[in-house]
């Protein structure tokens, strides 16, 4: 799954469109093939973005975690909209995070 630390790029688009192609073709063949979208919301990429862009070096870890959640939720929403514009079918109301 993509990290929730920026807009979707061509690599994300290629990956999700290929998955969508396979799932749609399987669905048309009669298989149950749901797509539950998800994002990687943990780890260094999000923390690095928050600490460097918001100049939080040495800040309280609770503040950093709170800002990381805020940034991740923002970019999840943006990427979700971007993937939907690509025509990707999925259970967008119940993603895994």
PDB file of N, CA and C in Angstrom:
ATOM      1  N   UNK A   1       0.825  -1.203   0.000  1.00  0.00           N
ATOM      2  CA  UNK A   1       0.000   0.000   0.000  1.00  0.00           C
ATOM      3  C   UNK A   1       0.865   1.262   0.000  1.00  0.00           C
ATOM      4  N   UNK A   2       0.346   2.340  -0.543  1.00  0.00           N
ATOM      5  CA  UNK A   2       1.130   3.577  -0.574  1.00  0.00           C
ATOM      6  C   UNK A   2       1.234   4.207   0.818  1.00  0.00           C
ATOM      7  N   UNK A   3       2.327   4.931   1.032  1.00  0.00           N
ATOM      8  CA  UNK A   3       2.456   5.715   2.256  1.00  0.00           C
ATOM      9  C   UNK A   3       1.528   6.911   2.159  1.00  0.00           C
ATOM     10  N   UNK A   4       1.002   7.346   3.266  1.00  0.00           N
ATOM     11  CA  UNK A   4       0.098   8.498   3.308  1.00  0.00           C
ATOM     12  C   UNK A   4       0.890   9.753   3.638  1.00  0.00           C
ATOM     13  N   UNK A   5       1.910  10.043   2.813  1.00  0.00           N
ATOM     14  CA  UNK A   5       2.746  11.204   3.096  1.00  0.00           C
ATOM     15  C   UNK A   5       2.878  12.150   1.908  1.00  0.00           C
ATOM     16  N   UNK A   6       2.016  12.014   0.910  1.00  0.00           N
ATOM     17  CA  UNK A   6       2.062  12.903  -0.248  1.00  0.00           C
ATOM     18  C   UNK A   6       1.014  12.494  -1.263  1.00  0.00           C
ATOM     19  N   UNK A   7       0.951  13.266  -2.337  1.00  0.00           N
ATOM     20  CA  UNK A   7       0.009  12.936  -3.403  1.00  0.00           C
ATOM     21  C   UNK A   7       0.423  11.650  -4.099  1.00  0.00           C
ATOM     22  N   UNK A   8      -0.549  11.022  -4.746  1.00  0.00           N
ATOM     23  CA  UNK A   8      -0.263   9.812  -5.525  1.00  0.00           C
ATOM     24  C   UNK A   8       0.646  10.187  -6.692  1.00  0.00           C
ATOM     25  N   UNK A   9       1.595   9.320  -7.005  1.00  0.00           N
ATOM     26  CA  UNK A   9       2.468   9.550  -8.159  1.00  0.00           C
ATOM     27  C   UNK A   9       2.255   8.429  -9.163  1.00  0.00           C
ATOM     28  N   UNK A  10       2.983   8.470 -10.256  1.00  0.00           N
ATOM     29  CA  UNK A  10       2.754   7.519 -11.348  1.00  0.00           C
ATOM     30  C   UNK A  10       2.968   6.070 -10.896  1.00  0.00           C
ATOM     31  N   UNK A  11       3.866   5.832  -9.970  1.00  0.00           N
ATOM     32  CA  UNK A  11       4.076   4.480  -9.456  1.00  0.00           C
ATOM     33  C   UNK A  11       2.854   3.962  -8.709  1.00  0.00           C
ATOM     34  N   UNK A  12       2.261   4.834  -7.874  1.00  0.00           N
ATOM     35  CA  UNK A  12       1.026   4.456  -7.184  1.00  0.00           C
ATOM     36  C   UNK A  12      -0.083   4.181  -8.193  1.00  0.00           C
ATOM     37  N   UNK A  13      -0.202   5.076  -9.173  1.00  0.00           N
ATOM     38  CA  UNK A  13      -1.268   4.937 -10.174  1.00  0.00           C
ATOM     39  C   UNK A  13      -1.126   3.629 -10.940  1.00  0.00           C
ATOM     40  N   UNK A  14       0.080   3.314 -11.379  1.00  0.00           N
ATOM     41  CA  UNK A  14       0.302   2.072 -12.127  1.00  0.00           C
ATOM     42  C   UNK A  14      -0.082   0.865 -11.274  1.00  0.00           C
ATOM     43  N   UNK A  15       0.375   0.844 -10.049  1.00  0.00           N
ATOM     44  CA  UNK A  15       0.093  -0.270  -9.148  1.00  0.00           C
ATOM     45  C   UNK A  15      -1.408  -0.454  -8.941  1.00  0.00           C
ATOM     46  N   UNK A  16      -2.102   0.618  -8.624  1.00  0.00           N
ATOM     47  CA  UNK A  16      -3.524   0.481  -8.293  1.00  0.00           C
ATOM     48  C   UNK A  16      -4.365   0.198  -9.535  1.00  0.00           C
ATOM     49  N   UNK A  17      -3.970   0.745 -10.690  1.00  0.00           N
ATOM     50  CA  UNK A  17      -4.722   0.476 -11.923  1.00  0.00           C
ATOM     51  C   UNK A  17      -4.550  -0.985 -12.340  1.00  0.00           C
ATOM     52  N   UNK A  18      -3.355  -1.536 -12.176  1.00  0.00           N
ATOM     53  CA  UNK A  18      -3.152  -2.951 -12.507  1.00  0.00           C
ATOM     54  C   UNK A  18      -3.977  -3.858 -11.585  1.00  0.00           C
ATOM     55  N   UNK A  19      -3.988  -3.548 -10.296  1.00  0.00           N
ATOM     56  CA  UNK A  19      -4.818  -4.321  -9.359  1.00  0.00           C
ATOM     57  C   UNK A  19      -6.288  -4.215  -9.748  1.00  0.00           C
ATOM     58  N   UNK A  20      -6.713  -3.000 -10.085  1.00  0.00           N
ATOM     59  CA  UNK A  20      -8.106  -2.774 -10.459  1.00  0.00           C
ATOM     60  C   UNK A  20      -8.469  -3.563 -11.711  1.00  0.00           C
ATOM     61  N   UNK A  21      -7.565  -3.617 -12.667  1.00  0.00           N
ATOM     62  CA  UNK A  21      -7.794  -4.366 -13.907  1.00  0.00           C
ATOM     63  C   UNK A  21      -8.026  -5.851 -13.613  1.00  0.00           C
ATOM     64  N   UNK A  22      -7.171  -6.421 -12.793  1.00  0.00           N
ATOM     65  CA  UNK A  22      -7.296  -7.841 -12.454  1.00  0.00           C
ATOM     66  C   UNK A  22      -8.601  -8.096 -11.695  1.00  0.00           C
ATOM     67  N   UNK A  23      -8.898  -7.256 -10.713  1.00  0.00           N
ATOM     68  CA  UNK A  23     -10.108  -7.465  -9.914  1.00  0.00           C
ATOM     69  C   UNK A  23     -11.376  -7.285 -10.741  1.00  0.00           C
ATOM     70  N   UNK A  24     -11.389  -6.299 -11.629  1.00  0.00           N
ATOM     71  CA  UNK A  24     -12.569  -6.108 -12.484  1.00  0.00           C
ATOM     72  C   UNK A  24     -12.750  -7.292 -13.427  1.00  0.00           C
ATOM     73  N   UNK A  25     -11.644  -7.786 -13.994  1.00  0.00           N
ATOM     74  CA  UNK A  25     -11.770  -8.924 -14.918  1.00  0.00           C
ATOM     75  C   UNK A  25     -12.258 -10.167 -14.175  1.00  0.00           C
ATOM     76  N   UNK A  26     -11.770 -10.393 -12.966  1.00  0.00           N
ATOM     77  CA  UNK A  26     -12.224 -11.544 -12.174  1.00  0.00           C
ATOM     78  C   UNK A  26     -13.693 -11.394 -11.787  1.00  0.00           C
ATOM     79  N   UNK A  27     -14.093 -10.189 -11.454  1.00  0.00           N
ATOM     80  CA  UNK A  27     -15.505  -9.948 -11.128  1.00  0.00           C
ATOM     81  C   UNK A  27     -16.393 -10.251 -12.325  1.00  0.00           C
ATOM     82  N   UNK A  28     -15.945  -9.855 -13.520  1.00  0.00           N
ATOM     83  CA  UNK A  28     -16.734 -10.117 -14.728  1.00  0.00           C
ATOM     84  C   UNK A  28     -16.804 -11.607 -15.047  1.00  0.00           C
ATOM     85  N   UNK A  29     -15.852 -12.387 -14.528  1.00  0.00           N
ATOM     86  CA  UNK A  29     -15.870 -13.840 -14.715  1.00  0.00           C
ATOM     87  C   UNK A  29     -16.722 -14.535 -13.661  1.00  0.00           C
ATOM     88  N   UNK A  30     -17.276 -13.763 -12.739  1.00  0.00           N
ATOM     89  CA  UNK A  30     -18.155 -14.343 -11.730  1.00  0.00           C
ATOM     90  C   UNK A  30     -17.519 -14.584 -10.376  1.00  0.00           C
ATOM     91  N   UNK A  31     -16.248 -14.251 -10.234  1.00  0.00           N
ATOM     92  CA  UNK A  31     -15.577 -14.430  -8.946  1.00  0.00           C
ATOM     93  C   UNK A  31     -15.914 -13.278  -8.003  1.00  0.00           C
ATOM     94  N   UNK A  32     -15.882 -13.570  -6.725  1.00  0.00           N
ATOM     95  CA  UNK A  32     -16.006 -12.519  -5.720  1.00  0.00           C
ATOM     96  C   UNK A  32     -14.606 -11.938  -5.538  1.00  0.00           C
ATOM     97  N   UNK A  33     -14.415 -10.718  -5.999  1.00  0.00           N
ATOM     98  CA  UNK A  33     -13.082 -10.113  -5.971  1.00  0.00           C
ATOM     99  C   UNK A  33     -13.171  -8.670  -5.472  1.00  0.00           C
ATOM    100  N   UNK A  34     -13.376  -8.483  -4.176  1.00  0.00           N
ATOM    101  CA  UNK A  34     -13.487  -7.112  -3.657  1.00  0.00           C
ATOM    102  C   UNK A  34     -12.120  -6.442  -3.567  1.00  0.00           C
ATOM    103  N   UNK A  35     -12.122  -5.135  -3.620  1.00  0.00           N
ATOM    104  CA  UNK A  35     -10.894  -4.370  -3.409  1.00  0.00           C
ATOM    105  C   UNK A  35     -11.110  -3.487  -2.193  1.00  0.00           C
ATOM    106  N   UNK A  36     -10.328  -3.730  -1.162  1.00  0.00           N
ATOM    107  CA  UNK A  36     -10.361  -2.902   0.035  1.00  0.00           C
ATOM    108  C   UNK A  36      -9.094  -2.055   0.008  1.00  0.00           C
ATOM    109  N   UNK A  37      -9.231  -0.768  -0.309  1.00  0.00           N
ATOM    110  CA  UNK A  37      -8.044   0.077  -0.390  1.00  0.00           C
ATOM    111  C   UNK A  37      -7.415   0.275   0.982  1.00  0.00           C
ATOM    112  N   UNK A  38      -6.130   0.525   0.979  1.00  0.00           N
ATOM    113  CA  UNK A  38      -5.441   0.737   2.236  1.00  0.00           C
ATOM    114  C   UNK A  38      -4.200   1.587   2.069  1.00  0.00           C
ATOM    115  N   UNK A  39      -3.706   2.088   3.167  1.00  0.00           N
ATOM    116  CA  UNK A  39      -2.522   2.934   3.180  1.00  0.00           C
ATOM    117  C   UNK A  39      -1.597   2.506   4.300  1.00  0.00           C
ATOM    118  N   UNK A  40      -0.314   2.720   4.091  1.00  0.00           N
ATOM    119  CA  UNK A  40       0.689   2.481   5.121  1.00  0.00           C
ATOM    120  C   UNK A  40       0.813   3.780   5.908  1.00  0.00           C
ATOM    121  N   UNK A  41       0.271   3.791   7.090  1.00  0.00           N
ATOM    122  CA  UNK A  41       0.215   5.010   7.904  1.00  0.00           C
ATOM    123  C   UNK A  41       1.250   5.029   9.019  1.00  0.00           C
ATOM    124  N   UNK A  42       2.178   4.105   9.000  1.00  0.00           N
ATOM    125  CA  UNK A  42       3.144   3.992  10.087  1.00  0.00           C
ATOM    126  C   UNK A  42       4.549   4.060   9.512  1.00  0.00           C
ATOM    127  N   UNK A  43       5.453   4.557  10.287  1.00  0.00           N
ATOM    128  CA  UNK A  43       6.834   4.478   9.878  1.00  0.00           C
ATOM    129  C   UNK A  43       7.483   5.805   9.563  1.00  0.00           C
ATOM    130  N   UNK A  44       8.696   5.679   9.112  1.00  0.00           N
ATOM    131  CA  UNK A  44       9.575   6.821   8.935  1.00  0.00           C
ATOM    132  C   UNK A  44       9.147   7.832   7.876  1.00  0.00           C
ATOM    133  N   UNK A  45       8.604   7.450   6.718  1.00  0.00           N
ATOM    134  CA  UNK A  45       8.284   8.470   5.711  1.00  0.00           C
ATOM    135  C   UNK A  45       7.345   9.573   6.217  1.00  0.00           C
ATOM    136  N   UNK A  46       6.318   9.209   6.934  1.00  0.00           N
ATOM    137  CA  UNK A  46       5.384  10.218   7.447  1.00  0.00           C
ATOM    138  C   UNK A  46       6.051  11.038   8.547  1.00  0.00           C
ATOM    139  N   UNK A  47       6.734  10.353   9.449  1.00  0.00           N
ATOM    140  CA  UNK A  47       7.410  11.067  10.537  1.00  0.00           C
ATOM    141  C   UNK A  47       8.462  12.029   9.990  1.00  0.00           C
ATOM    142  N   UNK A  48       9.231  11.590   9.019  1.00  0.00           N
ATOM    143  CA  UNK A  48      10.261  12.448   8.425  1.00  0.00           C
ATOM    144  C   UNK A  48       9.637  13.687   7.797  1.00  0.00           C
ATOM    145  N   UNK A  49       8.551  13.513   7.066  1.00  0.00           N
ATOM    146  CA  UNK A  49       7.865  14.642   6.433  1.00  0.00           C
ATOM    147  C   UNK A  49       7.406  15.643   7.492  1.00  0.00           C
ATOM    148  N   UNK A  50       6.802  15.153   8.550  1.00  0.00           N
ATOM    149  CA  UNK A  50       6.279  16.026   9.603  1.00  0.00           C
ATOM    150  C   UNK A  50       7.408  16.761  10.313  1.00  0.00           C
ATOM    151  N   UNK A  51       8.427  16.039  10.722  1.00  0.00           N
ATOM    152  CA  UNK A  51       9.514  16.645  11.497  1.00  0.00           C
ATOM    153  C   UNK A  51      10.262  17.689  10.674  1.00  0.00           C
ATOM    154  N   UNK A  52      10.535  17.400   9.407  1.00  0.00           N
ATOM    155  CA  UNK A  52      11.307  18.345   8.596  1.00  0.00           C
ATOM    156  C   UNK A  52      10.467  19.520   8.110  1.00  0.00           C
ATOM    157  N   UNK A  53       9.259  19.265   7.623  1.00  0.00           N
ATOM    158  CA  UNK A  53       8.454  20.356   7.068  1.00  0.00           C
ATOM    159  C   UNK A  53       7.856  21.254   8.145  1.00  0.00           C
ATOM    160  N   UNK A  54       7.571  20.710   9.297  1.00  0.00           N
ATOM    161  CA  UNK A  54       6.976  21.516  10.361  1.00  0.00           C
ATOM    162  C   UNK A  54       7.997  21.894  11.432  1.00  0.00           C
ATOM    163  N   UNK A  55       9.265  21.608  11.152  1.00  0.00           N
ATOM    164  CA  UNK A  55      10.374  21.977  12.041  1.00  0.00           C
ATOM    165  C   UNK A  55      10.115  21.549  13.494  1.00  0.00           C
ATOM    166  N   UNK A  56       9.869  20.263  13.657  1.00  0.00           N
ATOM    167  CA  UNK A  56       9.571  19.716  14.978  1.00  0.00           C
ATOM    168  C   UNK A  56      10.728  18.901  15.550  1.00  0.00           C
ATOM    169  N   UNK A  57      11.934  19.146  15.093  1.00  0.00           N
ATOM    170  CA  UNK A  57      13.088  18.407  15.606  1.00  0.00           C
ATOM    171  C   UNK A  57      13.193  18.651  17.111  1.00  0.00           C
ATOM    172  N   UNK A  58      13.226  17.578  17.873  1.00  0.00           N
ATOM    173  CA  UNK A  58      13.325  17.673  19.326  1.00  0.00           C
ATOM    174  C   UNK A  58      12.000  17.924  20.030  1.00  0.00           C
ATOM    175  N   UNK A  59      10.902  17.920  19.288  1.00  0.00           N
ATOM    176  CA  UNK A  59       9.586  18.156  19.899  1.00  0.00           C
ATOM    177  C   UNK A  59       9.139  16.938  20.703  1.00  0.00           C
ATOM    178  N   UNK A  60       8.155  17.149  21.536  1.00  0.00           N
ATOM    179  CA  UNK A  60       7.570  16.078  22.340  1.00  0.00           C
ATOM    180  C   UNK A  60       7.019  14.991  21.411  1.00  0.00           C
ATOM    181  N   UNK A  61       7.325  13.719  21.676  1.00  0.00           N
ATOM    182  CA  UNK A  61       6.835  12.637  20.811  1.00  0.00           C
ATOM    183  C   UNK A  61       5.318  12.618  20.634  1.00  0.00           C
ATOM    184  N   UNK A  62       4.571  12.998  21.656  1.00  0.00           N
ATOM    185  CA  UNK A  62       3.108  13.019  21.533  1.00  0.00           C
ATOM    186  C   UNK A  62       2.661  14.057  20.502  1.00  0.00           C
ATOM    187  N   UNK A  63       3.350  15.182  20.454  1.00  0.00           N
ATOM    188  CA  UNK A  63       3.040  16.226  19.469  1.00  0.00           C
ATOM    189  C   UNK A  63       3.357  15.719  18.068  1.00  0.00           C
ATOM    190  N   UNK A  64       4.493  15.061  17.917  1.00  0.00           N
ATOM    191  CA  UNK A  64       4.886  14.520  16.613  1.00  0.00           C
ATOM    192  C   UNK A  64       3.872  13.471  16.154  1.00  0.00           C
ATOM    193  N   UNK A  65       3.476  12.571  17.046  1.00  0.00           N
ATOM    194  CA  UNK A  65       2.480  11.542  16.683  1.00  0.00           C
ATOM    195  C   UNK A  65       1.164  12.171  16.246  1.00  0.00           C
ATOM    196  N   UNK A  66       0.739  13.190  16.963  1.00  0.00           N
ATOM    197  CA  UNK A  66      -0.511  13.871  16.621  1.00  0.00           C
ATOM    198  C   UNK A  66      -0.422  14.515  15.239  1.00  0.00           C
ATOM    199  N   UNK A  67       0.693  15.171  14.960  1.00  0.00           N
ATOM    200  CA  UNK A  67       0.892  15.801  13.647  1.00  0.00           C
ATOM    201  C   UNK A  67       0.986  14.746  12.552  1.00  0.00           C
ATOM    202  N   UNK A  68       1.620  13.611  12.853  1.00  0.00           N
ATOM    203  CA  UNK A  68       1.719  12.521  11.872  1.00  0.00           C
ATOM    204  C   UNK A  68       0.332  12.008  11.510  1.00  0.00           C
ATOM    205  N   UNK A  69      -0.521  11.833  12.505  1.00  0.00           N
ATOM    206  CA  UNK A  69      -1.883  11.370  12.224  1.00  0.00           C
ATOM    207  C   UNK A  69      -2.630  12.382  11.362  1.00  0.00           C
ATOM    208  N   UNK A  70      -2.468  13.655  11.672  1.00  0.00           N
ATOM    209  CA  UNK A  70      -3.129  14.714  10.907  1.00  0.00           C
ATOM    210  C   UNK A  70      -2.679  14.696   9.442  1.00  0.00           C
ATOM    211  N   UNK A  71      -1.379  14.599   9.225  1.00  0.00           N
ATOM    212  CA  UNK A  71      -0.835  14.564   7.861  1.00  0.00           C
ATOM    213  C   UNK A  71      -1.289  13.304   7.134  1.00  0.00           C
ATOM    214  N   UNK A  72      -1.226  12.165   7.801  1.00  0.00           N
ATOM    215  CA  UNK A  72      -1.633  10.907   7.171  1.00  0.00           C
ATOM    216  C   UNK A  72      -3.101  10.953   6.759  1.00  0.00           C
ATOM    217  N   UNK A  73      -3.966  11.419   7.629  1.00  0.00           N
ATOM    218  CA  UNK A  73      -5.397  11.491   7.292  1.00  0.00           C
ATOM    219  C   UNK A  73      -5.647  12.448   6.125  1.00  0.00           C
ATOM    220  N   UNK A  74      -4.915  13.548   6.085  1.00  0.00           N
ATOM    221  CA  UNK A  74      -5.048  14.503   4.978  1.00  0.00           C
ATOM    222  C   UNK A  74      -4.689  13.841   3.644  1.00  0.00           C
ATOM    223  N   UNK A  75      -3.551  13.159   3.605  1.00  0.00           N
ATOM    224  CA  UNK A  75      -3.108  12.562   2.345  1.00  0.00           C
ATOM    225  C   UNK A  75      -3.881  11.300   1.978  1.00  0.00           C
ATOM    226  N   UNK A  76      -4.442  10.606   2.953  1.00  0.00           N
ATOM    227  CA  UNK A  76      -5.325   9.479   2.638  1.00  0.00           C
ATOM    228  C   UNK A  76      -6.529  10.000   1.858  1.00  0.00           C
ATOM    229  N   UNK A  77      -7.108  11.082   2.335  1.00  0.00           N
ATOM    230  CA  UNK A  77      -8.264  11.660   1.653  1.00  0.00           C
ATOM    231  C   UNK A  77      -7.886  12.125   0.244  1.00  0.00           C
ATOM    232  N   UNK A  78      -6.745  12.787   0.114  1.00  0.00           N
ATOM    233  CA  UNK A  78      -6.313  13.270  -1.213  1.00  0.00           C
ATOM    234  C   UNK A  78      -6.061  12.113  -2.164  1.00  0.00           C
ATOM    235  N   UNK A  79      -5.340  11.084  -1.712  1.00  0.00           N
ATOM    236  CA  UNK A  79      -5.051   9.941  -2.577  1.00  0.00           C
ATOM    237  C   UNK A  79      -6.326   9.183  -2.922  1.00  0.00           C
ATOM    238  N   UNK A  80      -7.238   9.070  -1.970  1.00  0.00           N
ATOM    239  CA  UNK A  80      -8.507   8.393  -2.227  1.00  0.00           C
ATOM    240  C   UNK A  80      -9.234   9.091  -3.373  1.00  0.00           C
ATOM    241  N   UNK A  81      -9.299  10.408  -3.339  1.00  0.00           N
ATOM    242  CA  UNK A  81      -9.942  11.173  -4.410  1.00  0.00           C
ATOM    243  C   UNK A  81      -9.204  10.985  -5.734  1.00  0.00           C
ATOM    244  N   UNK A  82      -7.885  10.961  -5.691  1.00  0.00           N
ATOM    245  CA  UNK A  82      -7.097  10.783  -6.913  1.00  0.00           C
ATOM    246  C   UNK A  82      -7.335   9.408  -7.522  1.00  0.00           C
ATOM    247  N   UNK A  83      -7.373   8.372  -6.704  1.00  0.00           N
ATOM    248  CA  UNK A  83      -7.604   7.019  -7.218  1.00  0.00           C
ATOM    249  C   UNK A  83      -9.027   6.867  -7.755  1.00  0.00           C
ATOM    250  N   UNK A  84      -9.976   7.496  -7.110  1.00  0.00           N
ATOM    251  CA  UNK A  84     -11.352   7.432  -7.600  1.00  0.00           C
ATOM    252  C   UNK A  84     -11.472   8.124  -8.959  1.00  0.00           C
ATOM    253  N   UNK A  85     -10.731   9.211  -9.158  1.00  0.00           N
ATOM    254  CA  UNK A  85     -10.741   9.882 -10.465  1.00  0.00           C
ATOM    255  C   UNK A  85     -10.148   8.999 -11.550  1.00  0.00           C
ATOM    256  N   UNK A  86      -9.293   8.066 -11.170  1.00  0.00           N
ATOM    257  CA  UNK A  86      -8.740   7.109 -12.135  1.00  0.00           C
ATOM    258  C   UNK A  86      -9.751   6.011 -12.473  1.00  0.00           C
ATOM    259  N   UNK A  87     -10.867   5.980 -11.779  1.00  0.00           N
ATOM    260  CA  UNK A  87     -11.900   4.987 -12.056  1.00  0.00           C
ATOM    261  C   UNK A  87     -11.738   3.686 -11.298  1.00  0.00           C
ATOM    262  N   UNK A  88     -10.947   3.701 -10.253  1.00  0.00           N
ATOM    263  CA  UNK A  88     -10.705   2.488  -9.470  1.00  0.00           C
ATOM    264  C   UNK A  88     -11.924   2.195  -8.600  1.00  0.00           C
ATOM    265  N   UNK A  89     -12.458   0.972  -8.737  1.00  0.00           N
ATOM    266  CA  UNK A  89     -13.571   0.532  -7.897  1.00  0.00           C
ATOM    267  C   UNK A  89     -12.994   0.018  -6.586  1.00  0.00           C
ATOM    268  N   UNK A  90     -13.664   0.304  -5.502  1.00  0.00           N
ATOM    269  CA  UNK A  90     -13.205  -0.201  -4.217  1.00  0.00           C
ATOM    270  C   UNK A  90     -14.169   0.175  -3.118  1.00  0.00           C
ATOM    271  N   UNK A  91     -13.958  -0.394  -1.965  1.00  0.00           N
ATOM    272  CA  UNK A  91     -14.763  -0.083  -0.792  1.00  0.00           C
ATOM    273  C   UNK A  91     -14.135   1.130  -0.111  1.00  0.00           C
ATOM    274  N   UNK A  92     -14.348   2.292  -0.703  1.00  0.00           N
ATOM    275  CA  UNK A  92     -13.688   3.518  -0.253  1.00  0.00           C
ATOM    276  C   UNK A  92     -14.184   3.997   1.108  1.00  0.00           C
ATOM    277  N   UNK A  93     -15.343   3.513   1.538  1.00  0.00           N
ATOM    278  CA  UNK A  93     -15.880   3.935   2.832  1.00  0.00           C
ATOM    279  C   UNK A  93     -15.294   3.148   4.000  1.00  0.00           C
ATOM    280  N   UNK A  94     -14.660   2.005   3.716  1.00  0.00           N
ATOM    281  CA  UNK A  94     -14.102   1.171   4.780  1.00  0.00           C
ATOM    282  C   UNK A  94     -12.686   0.710   4.430  1.00  0.00           C
ATOM    283  N   UNK A  95     -11.750   1.650   4.294  1.00  0.00           N
ATOM    284  CA  UNK A  95     -10.380   1.244   3.972  1.00  0.00           C
ATOM    285  C   UNK A  95      -9.683   0.670   5.204  1.00  0.00           C
ATOM    286  N   UNK A  96      -8.551   0.002   4.958  1.00  0.00           N
ATOM    287  CA  UNK A  96      -7.732  -0.384   6.109  1.00  0.00           C
ATOM    288  C   UNK A  96      -6.634   0.654   6.232  1.00  0.00           C
ATOM    289  N   UNK A  97      -6.368   1.036   7.464  1.00  0.00           N
ATOM    290  CA  UNK A  97      -5.382   2.093   7.716  1.00  0.00           C
ATOM    291  C   UNK A  97      -4.313   1.605   8.657  1.00  0.00           C
TER     292      UNK A  97
END
